[in-house]
Amino acid sequence: MRVALLEHFSALPAGAAPPALLSAGGALLRAVAADLAALPGVTTEVVAGFHDGEAGFVKTLRRCDASLVVAPEEGGVLERLVRIAGRRRLLLGPGPIAVRLAADKRATARRLMERGIAVPGGAVVRRSGAAARLLRFQTPYVVKPRDGCGCEGVSIVRAPQGVAGALRRIDRVSRRRDLLVEEYVAGEPASVSFLVSRGRNGSGTPQMLCLGLNRQSVRGKGGPLRYAGGETPWSHPAAGEAVRLAARAVRALGHCAGDLCGYVGVDLVLAPDGPRVVEINPRLTTAYLGLRRVARFNLAGLMLDAALGRRLPRRLEVEGRCSFRPDGSVAVRAGRVAAP
């Protein structure tokens, strides 16, 4: 099998994405390419940046049997590329409907609330006149792009004086005419990673494999936020509750979309009164960089199994713990634990 790896972070216009986001895209591309290349009978072909336009992208797809897109959700980039890839070859990841639904963070939150899944309260605010509207909200609150990733453009506003800076940060990363204001939930940032298979279990629902609870390192709690990587697996008193809530969120998205498959990440806040789902990432996340180093299975092989509808393991065993950074650096600590 020949797999096309399509990376689009490096093709974003100058200034449209900060170096940290570009670095994370490259690190994920290198990691998954190495994992796929380690599988018997699998070869890869990398298309990075699409500098020759979509014609070169499509030409590569014709030579391959499957594809995986590594791209940001902003501006519909990931959805558009996944739609093109899915029309021609097997997708090793979520389809365009799932990507579109998850990329709209407020729409996702509404769907989850309808199913009784705890999320932060929020509202959509038009960029025109946003400064005056934001001054009416009670601080602290979070201001963020409606379709961003990697904490880019996200700020905590703790006083009216912080509104102007929060809007400037959104202007640098988003061209949308609206933005999100969310309730600030004090707690520990975390994520849960899953693999979703095209195959079904005995009850007719998609098979899901939890890859574990990950601790997130988010810096800058006094204003602009910056994602700095994390730790996996993470032993936390609320791990079981967090994993169950995240699994409900993934099933809810799959019910709405119908084409959810492959690697999915769920971001949460572990608050004192219980976890809340912040967003669903329909793509590889930087937690993959750490998970692949401690998992006893080749994760890319499991992604291929999921795309082909093969049965996934009941649980993922890992050896040790590790910390990871968006640039791809990983520090592994010894020890053997089982992911929840």
Protein backbone atom coordinates (compact mmCIF):
# COMPACT_ATOMS: atom_id res chain seq x y z
CA MET A 1 0.00 0.00 0.00
CA ARG A 2 1.21 3.48 -0.90
CA VAL A 3 0.07 6.32 1.38
CA ALA A 4 0.12 10.00 0.45
CA LEU A 5 0.95 12.28 3.38
CA LEU A 6 -0.37 15.74 2.68
CA GLU A 7 0.97 18.53 4.89
CA HIS A 8 -0.33 22.07 4.42
CA PHE A 9 0.95 24.09 7.38
CA SER A 10 4.07 25.14 5.45
CA ALA A 11 1.97 26.60 2.64
CA LEU A 12 0.15 29.11 4.83
CA PRO A 13 0.87 32.74 3.89
CA ALA A 14 3.72 34.44 5.70
CA GLY A 15 2.46 35.70 9.05
CA ALA A 16 -0.73 33.62 8.86
CA ALA A 17 0.62 31.03 11.28
CA PRO A 18 3.19 31.46 14.06
CA PRO A 19 6.44 29.45 13.98
CA ALA A 20 5.23 27.14 16.78
CA LEU A 21 2.24 26.00 14.70
CA LEU A 22 4.38 25.45 11.61
CA SER A 23 6.87 23.48 13.72
CA ALA A 24 4.12 21.26 15.11
CA GLY A 25 2.83 20.48 11.60
CA GLY A 26 6.28 19.45 10.45
CA ALA A 27 6.90 17.35 13.56
CA LEU A 28 3.62 15.47 13.10
CA LEU A 29 4.38 14.86 9.43
CA ARG A 30 7.80 13.38 10.22
CA ALA A 31 6.43 11.23 13.03
CA VAL A 32 3.55 9.66 11.13
CA ALA A 33 5.72 9.19 8.03
CA ALA A 34 8.25 7.23 10.09
CA ASP A 35 5.50 5.11 11.67
CA LEU A 36 3.89 4.27 8.33
CA ALA A 37 7.25 3.47 6.75
CA ALA A 38 7.88 0.93 9.54
CA LEU A 39 4.82 -1.11 8.50
CA PRO A 40 5.43 -4.12 6.21
CA GLY A 41 4.27 -3.47 2.65
CA VAL A 42 3.60 0.24 3.21
CA THR A 43 5.42 3.07 1.44
CA THR A 44 4.77 6.79 1.71
CA GLU A 45 4.88 9.81 -0.55
CA VAL A 46 5.01 13.21 1.12
CA VAL A 47 3.50 16.34 -0.38
CA ALA A 48 4.43 19.31 1.81
CA GLY A 49 3.00 22.76 1.24
CA PHE A 50 1.39 22.16 -2.18
CA HIS A 51 3.50 24.95 -3.67
CA ASP A 52 2.57 23.74 -7.15
CA GLY A 53 -1.14 24.04 -6.35
CA GLU A 54 -3.80 21.39 -6.01
CA ALA A 55 -2.93 19.84 -9.37
CA GLY A 56 0.24 18.38 -7.86
CA PHE A 57 -1.75 17.26 -4.84
CA VAL A 58 -4.23 15.35 -7.02
CA LYS A 59 -1.43 13.89 -9.15
CA THR A 60 0.15 12.41 -6.04
CA LEU A 61 -3.17 10.96 -4.91
CA ARG A 62 -3.51 9.09 -8.22
CA ARG A 63 -0.28 7.23 -7.47
CA CYS A 64 -1.38 6.23 -3.96
CA ASP A 65 -3.92 3.93 -2.32
CA ALA A 66 -4.65 6.02 0.76
CA SER A 67 -3.97 9.46 2.19
CA LEU A 68 -3.64 11.35 5.46
CA VAL A 69 -3.97 15.13 5.62
CA VAL A 70 -1.98 17.14 8.19
CA ALA A 71 -3.45 20.65 8.05
CA PRO A 72 -5.13 23.30 10.22
CA GLU A 73 -8.90 23.75 10.43
CA GLU A 74 -8.76 27.54 9.94
CA GLY A 75 -10.53 28.91 6.94
CA GLY A 76 -11.81 25.49 5.91
CA VAL A 77 -8.33 24.35 4.78
CA LEU A 78 -8.51 20.88 6.36
CA GLU A 79 -12.08 20.30 5.19
CA ARG A 80 -11.28 21.26 1.59
CA LEU A 81 -8.20 19.03 1.36
CA VAL A 82 -9.89 16.08 3.06
CA ARG A 83 -12.83 16.41 0.66
CA ILE A 84 -10.49 16.26 -2.35
CA ALA A 85 -8.50 13.34 -0.92
CA GLY A 86 -11.59 11.38 0.11
CA ARG A 87 -13.09 11.52 -3.38
CA ARG A 88 -10.09 9.67 -4.76
CA ARG A 89 -8.50 7.48 -2.11
CA LEU A 90 -9.01 5.85 1.30
CA LEU A 91 -8.77 8.44 4.06
CA LEU A 92 -6.75 7.63 7.18
CA GLY A 93 -8.63 10.23 9.18
CA PRO A 94 -11.99 11.98 9.65
CA GLY A 95 -14.03 12.80 6.55
CA PRO A 96 -15.11 16.28 5.41
CA ILE A 97 -18.44 16.36 7.25
CA ALA A 98 -16.82 15.51 10.59
CA VAL A 99 -14.06 18.05 9.95
CA ARG A 100 -16.55 20.81 9.10
CA LEU A 101 -18.68 20.16 12.17
CA ALA A 102 -15.75 19.96 14.59
CA ALA A 103 -13.95 22.98 13.10
CA ASP A 104 -16.84 25.22 14.13
CA LYS A 105 -16.25 25.27 17.87
CA ARG A 106 -19.52 26.92 18.81
CA ALA A 107 -21.61 24.61 16.64
CA THR A 108 -19.83 21.65 18.22
CA ALA A 109 -20.56 22.99 21.71
CA ARG A 110 -24.27 23.33 20.89
CA ARG A 111 -24.48 19.76 19.63
CA LEU A 112 -22.74 18.47 22.74
CA MET A 113 -25.00 20.48 25.05
CA GLU A 114 -28.05 19.01 23.32
CA ARG A 115 -26.77 15.59 24.38
CA GLY A 116 -26.13 16.59 27.98
CA ILE A 117 -22.35 16.82 27.61
CA ALA A 118 -20.77 19.49 29.82
CA VAL A 119 -19.12 22.35 27.93
CA PRO A 120 -18.20 25.95 28.86
CA GLY A 121 -20.95 28.49 28.22
CA GLY A 122 -20.30 30.75 25.27
CA ALA A 123 -21.54 33.13 22.62
CA VAL A 124 -20.65 34.23 19.09
CA VAL A 125 -19.73 37.90 18.69
CA ARG A 126 -19.34 39.71 15.37
CA ARG A 127 -15.93 41.32 14.87
CA SER A 128 -17.55 44.59 13.84
CA GLY A 129 -18.08 46.47 17.09
CA ALA A 130 -16.70 43.56 19.12
CA ALA A 131 -14.81 45.78 21.56
CA ALA A 132 -18.00 47.44 22.85
CA ARG A 133 -19.80 44.09 23.10
CA LEU A 134 -16.98 42.38 24.98
CA LEU A 135 -17.03 45.10 27.62
CA ARG A 136 -20.53 43.93 28.58
CA PHE A 137 -19.34 40.44 29.59
CA GLN A 138 -18.36 39.70 33.16
CA THR A 139 -14.68 38.94 33.55
CA PRO A 140 -12.85 36.64 33.47
CA TYR A 141 -13.77 35.10 30.12
CA VAL A 142 -12.00 33.55 27.13
CA VAL A 143 -11.82 35.14 23.68
CA LYS A 144 -10.84 32.85 20.81
CA PRO A 145 -11.19 32.27 17.04
CA ARG A 146 -14.20 30.22 16.07
CA ASP A 147 -12.08 27.78 14.05
CA GLY A 148 -8.56 28.04 15.50
CA CYS A 149 -6.08 25.45 16.73
CA GLY A 150 -3.07 25.23 19.03
CA CYS A 151 -4.20 28.05 21.35
CA GLU A 152 -3.41 30.55 18.59
CA GLY A 153 -5.33 33.80 19.13
CA VAL A 154 -6.78 32.60 22.45
CA SER A 155 -6.76 35.02 25.40
CA ILE A 156 -8.14 35.17 28.91
CA VAL A 157 -9.62 38.61 29.55
CA ARG A 158 -9.46 39.33 33.27
CA ALA A 159 -10.18 43.08 33.11
CA PRO A 160 -11.69 45.51 30.57
CA GLN A 161 -8.18 46.74 29.73
CA GLY A 162 -7.42 43.34 28.19
CA VAL A 163 -10.07 43.53 25.46
CA ALA A 164 -8.01 45.47 22.92
CA GLY A 165 -5.07 43.08 23.14
CA ALA A 166 -7.34 40.03 22.84
CA LEU A 167 -8.88 41.42 19.64
CA ARG A 168 -5.47 42.21 18.15
CA ARG A 169 -4.36 38.64 18.73
CA ILE A 170 -7.44 37.32 16.94
CA ASP A 171 -6.83 39.73 14.04
CA ARG A 172 -3.39 38.17 13.52
CA VAL A 173 -4.66 34.61 13.10
CA SER A 174 -8.26 34.74 11.83
CA ARG A 175 -10.07 36.29 8.87
CA ARG A 176 -13.51 35.31 10.09
CA ARG A 177 -16.08 38.01 10.71
CA ASP A 178 -16.94 36.58 14.12
CA LEU A 179 -15.23 35.26 17.22
CA LEU A 180 -16.11 33.28 20.33
CA VAL A 181 -16.50 34.42 23.91
CA GLU A 182 -16.49 31.53 26.39
CA GLU A 183 -16.95 31.14 30.09
CA TYR A 184 -13.60 30.87 31.83
CA VAL A 185 -13.45 27.52 33.63
CA ALA A 186 -10.71 27.22 36.23
CA GLY A 187 -9.06 23.83 36.17
CA GLU A 188 -6.34 21.71 34.58
CA PRO A 189 -6.15 21.55 30.77
CA ALA A 190 -6.16 18.03 29.36
CA SER A 191 -6.95 16.04 26.25
CA VAL A 192 -8.07 12.51 25.45
CA SER A 193 -6.94 10.82 22.24
CA PHE A 194 -9.04 8.23 20.40
CA LEU A 195 -8.96 6.05 17.32
CA VAL A 196 -12.34 5.55 15.67
CA SER A 197 -12.77 2.60 13.28
CA ARG A 198 -15.04 2.29 10.28
CA GLY A 199 -15.90 -1.13 11.66
CA ARG A 200 -18.81 -1.68 14.03
CA ASN A 201 -19.06 -3.45 17.35
CA GLY A 202 -21.81 -5.83 18.43
CA SER A 203 -24.28 -3.01 19.11
CA GLY A 204 -23.80 -1.47 15.68
CA THR A 205 -21.82 1.57 16.88
CA PRO A 206 -18.31 2.42 15.60
CA GLN A 207 -15.40 0.79 17.41
CA MET A 208 -13.38 3.23 19.50
CA LEU A 209 -9.98 2.82 21.13
CA CYS A 210 -8.98 5.26 23.85
CA LEU A 211 -5.27 6.09 23.56
CA GLY A 212 -5.19 7.80 26.94
CA LEU A 213 -5.56 10.97 28.94
CA ASN A 214 -2.92 13.60 28.19
CA ARG A 215 -1.89 16.52 30.32
CA GLN A 216 -1.66 19.80 28.41
CA SER A 217 0.88 22.50 29.12
CA VAL A 218 -0.78 25.87 28.47
CA ARG A 219 1.13 28.99 29.44
CA GLY A 220 0.12 32.60 29.83
CA LYS A 221 -2.88 32.39 32.14
CA GLY A 222 -2.77 36.16 32.65
CA GLY A 223 -3.73 36.99 29.04
CA PRO A 224 -2.63 35.38 25.74
CA LEU A 225 -2.36 31.60 25.93
CA ARG A 226 0.42 29.50 24.42
CA TYR A 227 0.34 25.75 23.95
CA ALA A 228 3.67 24.21 24.99
CA GLY A 229 3.06 20.47 24.65
CA GLY A 230 2.14 18.06 27.41
CA GLU A 231 2.58 14.71 29.12
CA THR A 232 1.15 11.26 28.39
CA PRO A 233 -0.29 9.12 29.82
CA TRP A 234 -1.48 11.21 32.72
CA SER A 235 -2.64 9.62 35.96
CA HIS A 236 -5.25 11.99 37.38
CA PRO A 237 -8.01 11.36 39.95
CA ALA A 238 -10.59 12.44 37.35
CA ALA A 239 -9.10 10.36 34.51
CA GLY A 240 -11.98 7.89 34.30
CA GLU A 241 -14.64 10.61 34.32
CA ALA A 242 -12.72 12.64 31.73
CA VAL A 243 -12.30 9.70 29.39
CA ARG A 244 -16.00 8.77 29.62
CA LEU A 245 -17.08 12.35 28.90
CA ALA A 246 -14.66 12.64 25.97
CA ALA A 247 -15.90 9.33 24.55
CA ARG A 248 -19.48 10.62 24.69
CA ALA A 249 -18.37 13.72 22.80
CA VAL A 250 -16.70 11.67 20.06
CA ARG A 251 -19.77 9.44 19.71
CA ALA A 252 -21.98 12.54 19.46
CA LEU A 253 -19.83 13.94 16.65
CA GLY A 254 -19.83 10.57 14.89
CA HIS A 255 -23.63 10.41 15.13
CA CYS A 256 -23.95 13.83 13.51
CA ALA A 257 -21.27 13.36 10.85
CA GLY A 258 -21.30 9.71 9.78
CA ASP A 259 -17.75 9.90 8.37
CA LEU A 260 -15.74 10.15 11.59
CA CYS A 261 -12.76 7.82 11.47
CA GLY A 262 -9.14 7.69 12.55
CA TYR A 263 -7.37 9.84 15.12
CA VAL A 264 -9.50 12.32 17.09
CA GLY A 265 -8.48 14.50 20.03
CA VAL A 266 -10.82 15.96 22.64
CA ASP A 267 -9.66 18.96 24.67
CA LEU A 268 -11.07 19.33 28.18
CA VAL A 269 -10.73 21.32 31.37
CA LEU A 270 -10.62 19.20 34.52
CA ALA A 271 -12.52 21.54 36.83
CA PRO A 272 -13.14 20.89 40.55
CA ASP A 273 -16.84 20.26 39.86
CA GLY A 274 -16.18 17.93 36.93
CA PRO A 275 -14.60 17.95 33.45
CA ARG A 276 -15.91 20.03 30.56
CA VAL A 277 -15.29 19.46 26.85
CA VAL A 278 -13.70 22.51 25.23
CA GLU A 279 -13.39 21.28 21.63
CA ILE A 280 -12.94 18.27 19.37
CA ASN A 281 -9.94 18.13 17.03
CA PRO A 282 -10.69 16.09 13.86
CA ARG A 283 -7.03 15.50 13.03
CA LEU A 284 -3.70 14.42 14.46
CA THR A 285 -2.79 16.43 17.55
CA THR A 286 0.62 16.94 19.11
CA ALA A 287 -0.21 14.29 21.73
CA TYR A 288 0.54 11.80 18.93
CA LEU A 289 4.20 12.78 19.25
CA GLY A 290 4.28 11.42 22.79
CA LEU A 291 1.83 8.55 22.41
CA ARG A 292 3.81 6.93 19.60
CA ARG A 293 6.87 6.75 21.85
CA VAL A 294 5.18 4.89 24.70
CA ALA A 295 2.54 2.78 22.92
CA ARG A 296 3.26 -0.92 22.47
CA PHE A 297 1.55 -0.80 19.06
CA ASN A 298 2.48 1.16 15.95
CA LEU A 299 -0.19 3.90 16.06
CA ALA A 300 -0.05 4.49 12.32
CA GLY A 301 -0.75 0.79 11.84
CA LEU A 302 -3.80 1.12 14.09
CA MET A 303 -4.92 4.16 12.06
CA LEU A 304 -4.71 2.03 8.92
CA ASP A 305 -6.68 -0.75 10.63
CA ALA A 306 -9.33 1.79 11.65
CA ALA A 307 -9.67 3.11 8.10
CA LEU A 308 -10.06 -0.43 6.77
CA GLY A 309 -12.67 -1.31 9.39
CA ARG A 310 -10.52 -3.87 11.12
CA ARG A 311 -11.00 -4.71 14.78
CA LEU A 312 -9.01 -2.53 17.16
CA PRO A 313 -7.50 -3.70 20.47
CA ARG A 314 -9.74 -3.42 23.52
CA ARG A 315 -7.20 -1.17 25.20
CA LEU A 316 -3.80 0.34 24.52
CA GLU A 317 -0.90 -0.69 26.71
CA VAL A 318 1.95 1.74 27.07
CA GLU A 319 5.43 1.49 28.54
CA GLY A 320 6.54 4.49 30.53
CA ARG A 321 5.44 8.10 30.45
CA CYS A 322 6.73 10.97 28.41
CA SER A 323 6.56 14.70 27.96
CA PHE A 324 6.37 16.19 24.46
CA ARG A 325 6.66 19.57 22.82
CA PRO A 326 5.19 20.95 19.56
CA ASP A 327 8.64 20.93 17.93
CA GLY A 328 8.67 17.12 18.15
CA SER A 329 11.05 16.74 21.11
CA VAL A 330 10.05 13.96 23.52
CA ALA A 331 11.46 12.92 26.90
CA VAL A 332 10.54 9.35 27.91
CA ARG A 333 10.54 8.10 31.51
CA ALA A 334 10.71 4.42 32.36
CA GLY A 335 7.88 2.39 33.83
CA ARG A 336 4.89 0.46 32.56
CA VAL A 337 1.31 1.62 32.87
CA ALA A 338 -1.97 0.92 31.12
CA ALA A 339 -3.92 3.70 29.48
CA PRO A 340 -7.51 4.12 30.77
